[in-house]
Amino acid sequence: MRASVGDRVIIHGRTVGSAERAGEVIEVRGQEDTPLLVVRYDDGHEAILSPGSDCEIRHET
């Protein structure tokens, strides 16, 4: 899963009724095969994310 600075990240809820989280990639760390993304979520919170199966990356157009 490749991501670049400026891409949007959507984290889908794992259980029924769980809210999705969305944010913007502000930094890519780690190696290409095991990326760590620094994400600024829409609520202003920043976190390091290791993308998994519940993560969707929408590339900046």
C-alpha atoms as a PDB file:
ATOM      1  CA  MET A   1       0.000   0.000   0.000  1.00  0.00           C
ATOM      2  CA  ARG A   2       1.703   3.162  -1.156  1.00  0.00           C
ATOM      3  CA  ALA A   3       0.917   6.608   0.080  1.00  0.00           C
ATOM      4  CA  SER A   4       2.369  10.038  -0.530  1.00  0.00           C
ATOM      5  CA  VAL A   5       2.184  13.302   1.344  1.00  0.00           C
ATOM      6  CA  GLY A   6      -1.172  14.911   0.625  1.00  0.00           C
ATOM      7  CA  ASP A   7      -3.083  11.652   0.104  1.00  0.00           C
ATOM      8  CA  ARG A   8      -6.302  11.091   2.045  1.00  0.00           C
ATOM      9  CA  VAL A   9      -6.613   8.170   4.460  1.00  0.00           C
ATOM     10  CA  ILE A  10      -9.978   6.650   5.388  1.00  0.00           C
ATOM     11  CA  ILE A  11     -10.081   4.191   8.310  1.00  0.00           C
ATOM     12  CA  HIS A  12     -13.243   2.102   8.098  1.00  0.00           C
ATOM     13  CA  GLY A  13     -14.960   1.056  11.328  1.00  0.00           C
ATOM     14  CA  ARG A  14     -14.252  -2.550  12.297  1.00  0.00           C
ATOM     15  CA  THR A  15     -17.665  -3.198  13.809  1.00  0.00           C
ATOM     16  CA  VAL A  16     -21.197  -2.274  12.812  1.00  0.00           C
ATOM     17  CA  GLY A  17     -21.972   1.259  13.905  1.00  0.00           C
ATOM     18  CA  SER A  18     -18.324   2.290  14.324  1.00  0.00           C
ATOM     19  CA  ALA A  19     -17.503   5.650  12.797  1.00  0.00           C
ATOM     20  CA  GLU A  20     -14.974   6.087  10.026  1.00  0.00           C
ATOM     21  CA  ARG A  21     -11.962   8.331  10.535  1.00  0.00           C
ATOM     22  CA  ALA A  22     -10.453  10.425   7.778  1.00  0.00           C
ATOM     23  CA  GLY A  23      -7.295  12.458   7.508  1.00  0.00           C
ATOM     24  CA  GLU A  24      -4.384  13.608   5.384  1.00  0.00           C
ATOM     25  CA  VAL A  25      -0.930  12.038   5.129  1.00  0.00           C
ATOM     26  CA  ILE A  26       1.595  14.651   6.247  1.00  0.00           C
ATOM     27  CA  GLU A  27       4.707  12.431   6.343  1.00  0.00           C
ATOM     28  CA  VAL A  28       5.760   8.945   5.210  1.00  0.00           C
ATOM     29  CA  ARG A  29       8.251   7.094   7.424  1.00  0.00           C
ATOM     30  CA  GLY A  30       9.720   3.625   7.349  1.00  0.00           C
ATOM     31  CA  GLN A  31      10.546   1.456   4.386  1.00  0.00           C
ATOM     32  CA  GLU A  32       8.467   0.922   1.278  1.00  0.00           C
ATOM     33  CA  ASP A  33       7.378  -2.579   2.307  1.00  0.00           C
ATOM     34  CA  THR A  34       6.473  -1.491   5.874  1.00  0.00           C
ATOM     35  CA  PRO A  35       5.396   2.156   5.686  1.00  0.00           C
ATOM     36  CA  LEU A  36       4.424   4.234   8.672  1.00  0.00           C
ATOM     37  CA  LEU A  37       2.251   7.224   7.887  1.00  0.00           C
ATOM     38  CA  VAL A  38       1.975  10.361   9.960  1.00  0.00           C
ATOM     39  CA  VAL A  39      -1.666  11.359   9.566  1.00  0.00           C
ATOM     40  CA  ARG A  40      -3.459  14.546  10.586  1.00  0.00           C
ATOM     41  CA  TYR A  41      -7.068  13.512  11.097  1.00  0.00           C
ATOM     42  CA  ASP A  42      -9.923  15.867  10.273  1.00  0.00           C
ATOM     43  CA  ASP A  43     -10.465  16.539  14.005  1.00  0.00           C
ATOM     44  CA  GLY A  44      -6.880  17.922  14.237  1.00  0.00           C
ATOM     45  CA  HIS A  45      -5.380  14.882  16.007  1.00  0.00           C
ATOM     46  CA  GLU A  46      -2.067  13.593  14.608  1.00  0.00           C
ATOM     47  CA  ALA A  47      -0.934   9.972  14.839  1.00  0.00           C
ATOM     48  CA  ILE A  48       1.415   7.432  13.303  1.00  0.00           C
ATOM     49  CA  LEU A  49      -0.508   4.836  11.316  1.00  0.00           C
ATOM     50  CA  SER A  50       0.578   1.425  10.081  1.00  0.00           C
ATOM     51  CA  PRO A  51      -1.963   0.829   7.281  1.00  0.00           C
ATOM     52  CA  GLY A  52      -3.999  -2.358   7.548  1.00  0.00           C
ATOM     53  CA  SER A  53      -6.937  -4.007   5.823  1.00  0.00           C
ATOM     54  CA  ASP A  54      -9.382  -1.442   7.239  1.00  0.00           C
ATOM     55  CA  CYS A  55      -7.424   1.446   5.701  1.00  0.00           C
ATOM     56  CA  GLU A  56      -8.171   3.036   2.320  1.00  0.00           C
ATOM     57  CA  ILE A  57      -5.782   5.488   0.678  1.00  0.00           C
ATOM     58  CA  ARG A  58      -7.173   7.962  -1.814  1.00  0.00           C
ATOM     59  CA  HIS A  59      -4.411   9.450  -3.891  1.00  0.00           C
ATOM     60  CA  GLU A  60      -4.316  13.169  -4.455  1.00  0.00           C
ATOM     61  CA  THR A  61      -5.399  14.059  -7.981  1.00  0.00           C
END
